[in-house]
Structure formats: C-alpha cells, structure tokens
Amino acid sequence: MSSQPLARSTGAARSPGTDRPSTARRPQRWEQVAAWAAFACTVPSAVWRLLMLVGALPGTAELRALHADEPGYVVGLSIVQVLCGWLVVGLVRPWGERLAGIDIPRWLPVILGTLGGLLVTWLFTVTLAGQLLGGARPDQYTVHGSALALMVAAYLPILLWGPLTLAAVVGYARRHLAGRS
C-alpha cells in the first residue's frame, strides 16, 4: 500500500499520469452535475438527427428529403456536437488536465470553454429560442403531429447546453485559477 495519502481523503487531487499534486481541489457536486448535464443536453438532438437521416423516425420523410444531398453535414454536426459536449466533462475529470501526456495550461479550458459556452448559448438559448418564439422552425414546417412532439422533446435540452457549460467553466476556473495573480 502506498504511503501517500489518498487524494479523496485530503481534498487534493493528483494530476493524471504524474505523482505531483494538482493545484486544484476536487470538483464540487454542482460542477459535476453541470458538466455531465451539459454533455447530456447534446445527445438527444444528435441521436434524433441521425435517426431521421436513416429513416428510422416516422413522419420525417419530408425533412429527410430536404437533407438528402447533405448527409455528411448532418452526421458531422451530430458528431461535433456530442464531442464538444464531452469536452465539458473534461472540466471535472482528471483526463481533462492532460493532452498526449502534456499538461494543459489551466487558462486554456477557461478561455475555450467560455467562448464555446457563449457561442452555444447564443446559437441555441438565444437565437433558436427567439426564432421559435417568432414562429420560425428549423424543420421548415415539414414535421407534424407526434413526430414534431418527439423532435421538440429531443431539441429542448439543447437550450440548456450553453448555460450549463458556462457553469462548469466557472467551477473549473474557481478551482484552478483561484488565488493566482
């Protein structure tokens, strides 16, 4: 058994892949919930798009026809969306502190996370919500009935992606940058 105290018992985390203590304390519960919820917000609409694209969702044939010549865009968008959501989890996990064996500068996730969080807040929480309230729909009115209800249920969580990302970034910054001048 190691003579080093466990990171959990001391409150100090170990940097992944090293024996040196991390400069930060463990993420608080609210930070973990925000990061994992941000990731979870990206999954339903991405899955819905992929299922729509392959014809597995009844009532979406017209929308699928609109995207028939751009399947790469739909697949790529879904993959990028989920991967970006997964990166938010890195703010509360040890693997988010290193890339290819190199320590990530602590300010980098704060800057990129803030920019990303603001961008998706603008795109989905502000712009998409505003367009929907103004009567515009991203499906160009091609989806109706229960298929529309399922699409709305799949896309509603994306409205929270940006704010949850920003909350996770605040937690990361408080842990990693607190007390630095």
C-alpha atoms as a PDB file:
ATOM      1  CA  MET A   1       0.000   0.000   0.000  1.00  0.00           C
ATOM      2  CA  SER A   2       1.274   3.451  -0.878  1.00  0.00           C
ATOM      3  CA  SER A   3       2.430   5.754   1.894  1.00  0.00           C
ATOM      4  CA  GLN A   4       0.928   8.723   0.043  1.00  0.00           C
ATOM      5  CA  PRO A   5      -2.431   9.925   1.341  1.00  0.00           C
ATOM      6  CA  LEU A   6      -5.378   9.335  -0.921  1.00  0.00           C
ATOM      7  CA  ALA A   7      -6.452  12.345  -2.939  1.00  0.00           C
ATOM      8  CA  ARG A   8     -10.037  11.897  -1.782  1.00  0.00           C
ATOM      9  CA  SER A   9      -9.172  11.962   1.905  1.00  0.00           C
ATOM     10  CA  THR A  10      -7.018  15.105   1.695  1.00  0.00           C
ATOM     11  CA  GLY A  11      -9.151  17.007  -0.766  1.00  0.00           C
ATOM     12  CA  ALA A  12      -6.143  17.380  -3.090  1.00  0.00           C
ATOM     13  CA  ALA A  13      -6.323  15.678  -6.433  1.00  0.00           C
ATOM     14  CA  ARG A  14      -3.345  14.186  -8.228  1.00  0.00           C
ATOM     15  CA  SER A  15      -2.552  15.341 -11.731  1.00  0.00           C
ATOM     16  CA  PRO A  16      -3.264  12.436 -14.075  1.00  0.00           C
ATOM     17  CA  GLY A  17      -0.193  10.479 -15.092  1.00  0.00           C
ATOM     18  CA  THR A  18       2.032  12.174 -12.533  1.00  0.00           C
ATOM     19  CA  ASP A  19       2.866  11.903  -8.852  1.00  0.00           C
ATOM     20  CA  ARG A  20       2.616  15.615  -8.291  1.00  0.00           C
ATOM     21  CA  PRO A  21      -0.469  17.022  -6.609  1.00  0.00           C
ATOM     22  CA  SER A  22      -2.817  19.037  -8.755  1.00  0.00           C
ATOM     23  CA  THR A  23      -3.110  22.733  -7.974  1.00  0.00           C
ATOM     24  CA  ALA A  24      -6.857  22.354  -7.695  1.00  0.00           C
ATOM     25  CA  ARG A  25      -9.280  20.770  -5.284  1.00  0.00           C
ATOM     26  CA  ARG A  26     -11.786  18.154  -6.384  1.00  0.00           C
ATOM     27  CA  PRO A  27     -14.821  19.413  -8.305  1.00  0.00           C
ATOM     28  CA  GLN A  28     -17.851  20.147  -6.179  1.00  0.00           C
ATOM     29  CA  ARG A  29     -21.031  18.209  -6.812  1.00  0.00           C
ATOM     30  CA  TRP A  30     -22.745  21.118  -8.613  1.00  0.00           C
ATOM     31  CA  GLU A  31     -19.782  21.393 -11.013  1.00  0.00           C
ATOM     32  CA  GLN A  32     -20.004  17.698 -11.850  1.00  0.00           C
ATOM     33  CA  VAL A  33     -23.761  17.911 -12.358  1.00  0.00           C
ATOM     34  CA  ALA A  34     -23.371  20.959 -14.643  1.00  0.00           C
ATOM     35  CA  ALA A  35     -20.661  19.296 -16.756  1.00  0.00           C
ATOM     36  CA  TRP A  36     -22.431  15.950 -17.136  1.00  0.00           C
ATOM     37  CA  ALA A  37     -25.777  17.675 -17.782  1.00  0.00           C
ATOM     38  CA  ALA A  38     -24.161  19.856 -20.477  1.00  0.00           C
ATOM     39  CA  PHE A  39     -22.943  16.688 -22.181  1.00  0.00           C
ATOM     40  CA  ALA A  40     -26.342  15.017 -21.771  1.00  0.00           C
ATOM     41  CA  CYS A  41     -28.010  18.032 -23.431  1.00  0.00           C
ATOM     42  CA  THR A  42     -26.098  17.343 -26.651  1.00  0.00           C
ATOM     43  CA  VAL A  43     -27.151  13.722 -27.077  1.00  0.00           C
ATOM     44  CA  PRO A  44     -30.940  13.706 -27.762  1.00  0.00           C
ATOM     45  CA  SER A  45     -30.923  16.081 -30.764  1.00  0.00           C
ATOM     46  CA  ALA A  46     -27.826  14.412 -32.235  1.00  0.00           C
ATOM     47  CA  VAL A  47     -29.444  10.983 -31.981  1.00  0.00           C
ATOM     48  CA  TRP A  48     -32.726  12.364 -33.353  1.00  0.00           C
ATOM     49  CA  ARG A  49     -30.919  13.810 -36.410  1.00  0.00           C
ATOM     50  CA  LEU A  50     -29.140  10.528 -37.112  1.00  0.00           C
ATOM     51  CA  LEU A  51     -32.346   8.511 -36.755  1.00  0.00           C
ATOM     52  CA  MET A  52     -34.145  10.977 -39.017  1.00  0.00           C
ATOM     53  CA  LEU A  53     -31.374  10.700 -41.593  1.00  0.00           C
ATOM     54  CA  VAL A  54     -31.575   6.899 -41.807  1.00  0.00           C
ATOM     55  CA  GLY A  55     -35.373   6.916 -41.958  1.00  0.00           C
ATOM     56  CA  ALA A  56     -35.983   5.400 -38.537  1.00  0.00           C
ATOM     57  CA  LEU A  57     -38.378   8.165 -37.437  1.00  0.00           C
ATOM     58  CA  PRO A  58     -41.876   8.050 -38.912  1.00  0.00           C
ATOM     59  CA  GLY A  59     -43.178  11.425 -40.036  1.00  0.00           C
ATOM     60  CA  THR A  60     -39.800  12.873 -41.044  1.00  0.00           C
ATOM     61  CA  ALA A  61     -39.653  11.860 -44.735  1.00  0.00           C
ATOM     62  CA  GLU A  62     -40.075  15.455 -45.991  1.00  0.00           C
ATOM     63  CA  LEU A  63     -37.297  16.721 -43.735  1.00  0.00           C
ATOM     64  CA  ARG A  64     -35.074  13.807 -44.735  1.00  0.00           C
ATOM     65  CA  ALA A  65     -35.662  14.726 -48.387  1.00  0.00           C
ATOM     66  CA  LEU A  66     -34.535  18.303 -47.638  1.00  0.00           C
ATOM     67  CA  HIS A  67     -31.238  16.921 -46.303  1.00  0.00           C
ATOM     68  CA  ALA A  68     -30.825  14.130 -48.881  1.00  0.00           C
ATOM     69  CA  ASP A  69     -27.826  15.761 -50.541  1.00  0.00           C
ATOM     70  CA  GLU A  70     -26.077  16.696 -47.292  1.00  0.00           C
ATOM     71  CA  PRO A  71     -25.845  13.566 -45.110  1.00  0.00           C
ATOM     72  CA  GLY A  72     -22.202  14.335 -44.293  1.00  0.00           C
ATOM     73  CA  TYR A  73     -23.230  17.657 -42.798  1.00  0.00           C
ATOM     74  CA  VAL A  74     -25.940  16.076 -40.624  1.00  0.00           C
ATOM     75  CA  VAL A  75     -23.649  13.272 -39.417  1.00  0.00           C
ATOM     76  CA  GLY A  76     -20.725  15.651 -38.899  1.00  0.00           C
ATOM     77  CA  LEU A  77     -22.855  18.135 -36.981  1.00  0.00           C
ATOM     78  CA  SER A  78     -24.111  15.393 -34.685  1.00  0.00           C
ATOM     79  CA  ILE A  79     -20.597  14.059 -34.026  1.00  0.00           C
ATOM     80  CA  VAL A  80     -19.081  17.503 -33.398  1.00  0.00           C
ATOM     81  CA  GLN A  81     -21.973  18.449 -31.124  1.00  0.00           C
ATOM     82  CA  VAL A  82     -21.567  15.358 -28.918  1.00  0.00           C
ATOM     83  CA  LEU A  83     -17.762  15.614 -28.877  1.00  0.00           C
ATOM     84  CA  CYS A  84     -17.937  19.260 -27.797  1.00  0.00           C
ATOM     85  CA  GLY A  85     -20.396  18.255 -25.088  1.00  0.00           C
ATOM     86  CA  TRP A  86     -17.977  15.520 -23.981  1.00  0.00           C
ATOM     87  CA  LEU A  87     -15.169  18.072 -23.663  1.00  0.00           C
ATOM     88  CA  VAL A  88     -17.210  19.839 -20.981  1.00  0.00           C
ATOM     89  CA  VAL A  89     -16.966  16.655 -18.892  1.00  0.00           C
ATOM     90  CA  GLY A  90     -13.182  17.085 -19.073  1.00  0.00           C
ATOM     91  CA  LEU A  91     -13.576  20.153 -16.862  1.00  0.00           C
ATOM     92  CA  VAL A  92     -14.462  17.885 -13.935  1.00  0.00           C
ATOM     93  CA  ARG A  93     -12.428  14.776 -14.782  1.00  0.00           C
ATOM     94  CA  PRO A  94      -8.677  14.204 -14.430  1.00  0.00           C
ATOM     95  CA  TRP A  95      -8.298  13.326 -18.134  1.00  0.00           C
ATOM     96  CA  GLY A  96      -9.247  16.917 -18.922  1.00  0.00           C
ATOM     97  CA  GLU A  97      -5.965  18.191 -17.485  1.00  0.00           C
ATOM     98  CA  ARG A  98      -3.582  16.494 -19.950  1.00  0.00           C
ATOM     99  CA  LEU A  99      -3.389  16.008 -23.704  1.00  0.00           C
ATOM    100  CA  ALA A 100      -0.987  13.443 -25.173  1.00  0.00           C
ATOM    101  CA  GLY A 101       0.963  13.405 -21.913  1.00  0.00           C
ATOM    102  CA  ILE A 102       1.348  17.189 -21.777  1.00  0.00           C
ATOM    103  CA  ASP A 103      -0.226  19.303 -19.042  1.00  0.00           C
ATOM    104  CA  ILE A 104      -2.847  21.657 -20.441  1.00  0.00           C
ATOM    105  CA  PRO A 105      -2.350  25.264 -19.293  1.00  0.00           C
ATOM    106  CA  ARG A 106      -5.121  25.955 -16.771  1.00  0.00           C
ATOM    107  CA  TRP A 107      -6.264  29.117 -18.548  1.00  0.00           C
ATOM    108  CA  LEU A 108      -6.873  27.336 -21.867  1.00  0.00           C
ATOM    109  CA  PRO A 109     -10.049  25.428 -20.845  1.00  0.00           C
ATOM    110  CA  VAL A 110     -11.337  28.616 -19.214  1.00  0.00           C
ATOM    111  CA  ILE A 111     -10.908  30.679 -22.390  1.00  0.00           C
ATOM    112  CA  LEU A 112     -12.121  27.992 -24.815  1.00  0.00           C
ATOM    113  CA  GLY A 113     -14.928  26.852 -22.501  1.00  0.00           C
ATOM    114  CA  THR A 114     -16.144  30.413 -22.040  1.00  0.00           C
ATOM    115  CA  LEU A 115     -16.073  31.116 -25.778  1.00  0.00           C
ATOM    116  CA  GLY A 116     -17.779  27.795 -26.551  1.00  0.00           C
ATOM    117  CA  GLY A 117     -20.354  28.271 -23.805  1.00  0.00           C
ATOM    118  CA  LEU A 118     -21.163  31.784 -25.015  1.00  0.00           C
ATOM    119  CA  LEU A 119     -21.382  30.586 -28.623  1.00  0.00           C
ATOM    120  CA  VAL A 120     -23.810  27.737 -27.931  1.00  0.00           C
ATOM    121  CA  THR A 121     -25.788  29.989 -25.565  1.00  0.00           C
ATOM    122  CA  TRP A 122     -26.132  32.482 -28.411  1.00  0.00           C
ATOM    123  CA  LEU A 123     -26.942  29.832 -31.025  1.00  0.00           C
ATOM    124  CA  PHE A 124     -29.415  27.758 -29.062  1.00  0.00           C
ATOM    125  CA  THR A 125     -30.614  29.563 -25.955  1.00  0.00           C
ATOM    126  CA  VAL A 126     -30.965  32.997 -27.544  1.00  0.00           C
ATOM    127  CA  THR A 127     -31.214  32.651 -31.335  1.00  0.00           C
ATOM    128  CA  LEU A 128     -33.081  29.340 -31.622  1.00  0.00           C
ATOM    129  CA  ALA A 129     -35.477  30.226 -28.822  1.00  0.00           C
ATOM    130  CA  GLY A 130     -36.067  33.650 -30.407  1.00  0.00           C
ATOM    131  CA  GLN A 131     -36.743  32.132 -33.807  1.00  0.00           C
ATOM    132  CA  LEU A 132     -39.156  29.606 -32.318  1.00  0.00           C
ATOM    133  CA  LEU A 133     -40.985  32.334 -30.408  1.00  0.00           C
ATOM    134  CA  GLY A 134     -41.148  34.309 -33.653  1.00  0.00           C
ATOM    135  CA  GLY A 135     -42.789  31.416 -35.468  1.00  0.00           C
ATOM    136  CA  ALA A 136     -39.818  30.086 -37.438  1.00  0.00           C
ATOM    137  CA  ARG A 137     -38.994  26.387 -37.217  1.00  0.00           C
ATOM    138  CA  PRO A 138     -35.713  24.672 -38.122  1.00  0.00           C
ATOM    139  CA  ASP A 139     -37.628  21.809 -39.781  1.00  0.00           C
ATOM    140  CA  GLN A 140     -39.206  24.281 -42.240  1.00  0.00           C
ATOM    141  CA  TYR A 141     -42.652  23.027 -41.192  1.00  0.00           C
ATOM    142  CA  THR A 142     -42.077  19.555 -42.628  1.00  0.00           C
ATOM    143  CA  VAL A 143     -42.613  17.602 -39.383  1.00  0.00           C
ATOM    144  CA  HIS A 144     -46.076  17.315 -37.793  1.00  0.00           C
ATOM    145  CA  GLY A 145     -48.029  15.549 -35.053  1.00  0.00           C
ATOM    146  CA  SER A 146     -46.261  13.046 -32.825  1.00  0.00           C
ATOM    147  CA  ALA A 147     -43.085  13.300 -34.939  1.00  0.00           C
ATOM    148  CA  LEU A 148     -42.992  17.027 -34.157  1.00  0.00           C
ATOM    149  CA  ALA A 149     -43.561  16.341 -30.451  1.00  0.00           C
ATOM    150  CA  LEU A 150     -40.619  13.910 -30.472  1.00  0.00           C
ATOM    151  CA  MET A 151     -38.428  16.416 -32.320  1.00  0.00           C
ATOM    152  CA  VAL A 152     -39.266  19.154 -29.806  1.00  0.00           C
ATOM    153  CA  ALA A 153     -38.531  16.803 -26.885  1.00  0.00           C
ATOM    154  CA  ALA A 154     -35.168  15.906 -28.461  1.00  0.00           C
ATOM    155  CA  TYR A 155     -34.219  19.544 -29.060  1.00  0.00           C
ATOM    156  CA  LEU A 156     -35.421  21.120 -25.793  1.00  0.00           C
ATOM    157  CA  PRO A 157     -32.335  20.065 -23.781  1.00  0.00           C
ATOM    158  CA  ILE A 158     -30.018  21.862 -26.227  1.00  0.00           C
ATOM    159  CA  LEU A 159     -31.384  25.167 -24.906  1.00  0.00           C
ATOM    160  CA  LEU A 160     -29.518  24.469 -21.631  1.00  0.00           C
ATOM    161  CA  TRP A 161     -26.201  23.351 -23.164  1.00  0.00           C
ATOM    162  CA  GLY A 162     -24.574  26.804 -23.156  1.00  0.00           C
ATOM    163  CA  PRO A 163     -25.597  27.903 -19.656  1.00  0.00           C
ATOM    164  CA  LEU A 164     -24.568  24.537 -18.190  1.00  0.00           C
ATOM    165  CA  THR A 165     -21.232  24.724 -20.000  1.00  0.00           C
ATOM    166  CA  LEU A 166     -20.633  28.195 -18.593  1.00  0.00           C
ATOM    167  CA  ALA A 167     -21.469  26.962 -15.086  1.00  0.00           C
ATOM    168  CA  ALA A 168     -18.954  24.123 -15.448  1.00  0.00           C
ATOM    169  CA  VAL A 169     -16.327  26.594 -16.684  1.00  0.00           C
ATOM    170  CA  VAL A 170     -16.924  28.837 -13.665  1.00  0.00           C
ATOM    171  CA  GLY A 171     -16.382  25.848 -11.376  1.00  0.00           C
ATOM    172  CA  TYR A 172     -13.194  24.881 -13.219  1.00  0.00           C
ATOM    173  CA  ALA A 173     -11.868  28.457 -13.066  1.00  0.00           C
ATOM    174  CA  ARG A 174     -12.628  28.731  -9.350  1.00  0.00           C
ATOM    175  CA  ARG A 175     -10.739  25.508  -8.660  1.00  0.00           C
ATOM    176  CA  HIS A 176      -7.765  26.094 -10.943  1.00  0.00           C
ATOM    177  CA  LEU A 177      -7.279  29.842 -11.073  1.00  0.00           C
ATOM    178  CA  ALA A 178      -8.352  30.933  -7.585  1.00  0.00           C
ATOM    179  CA  GLY A 179      -5.689  32.889  -5.753  1.00  0.00           C
ATOM    180  CA  ARG A 180      -3.497  33.480  -8.823  1.00  0.00           C
ATOM    181  CA  SER A 181      -2.499  36.978  -9.798  1.00  0.00           C
END
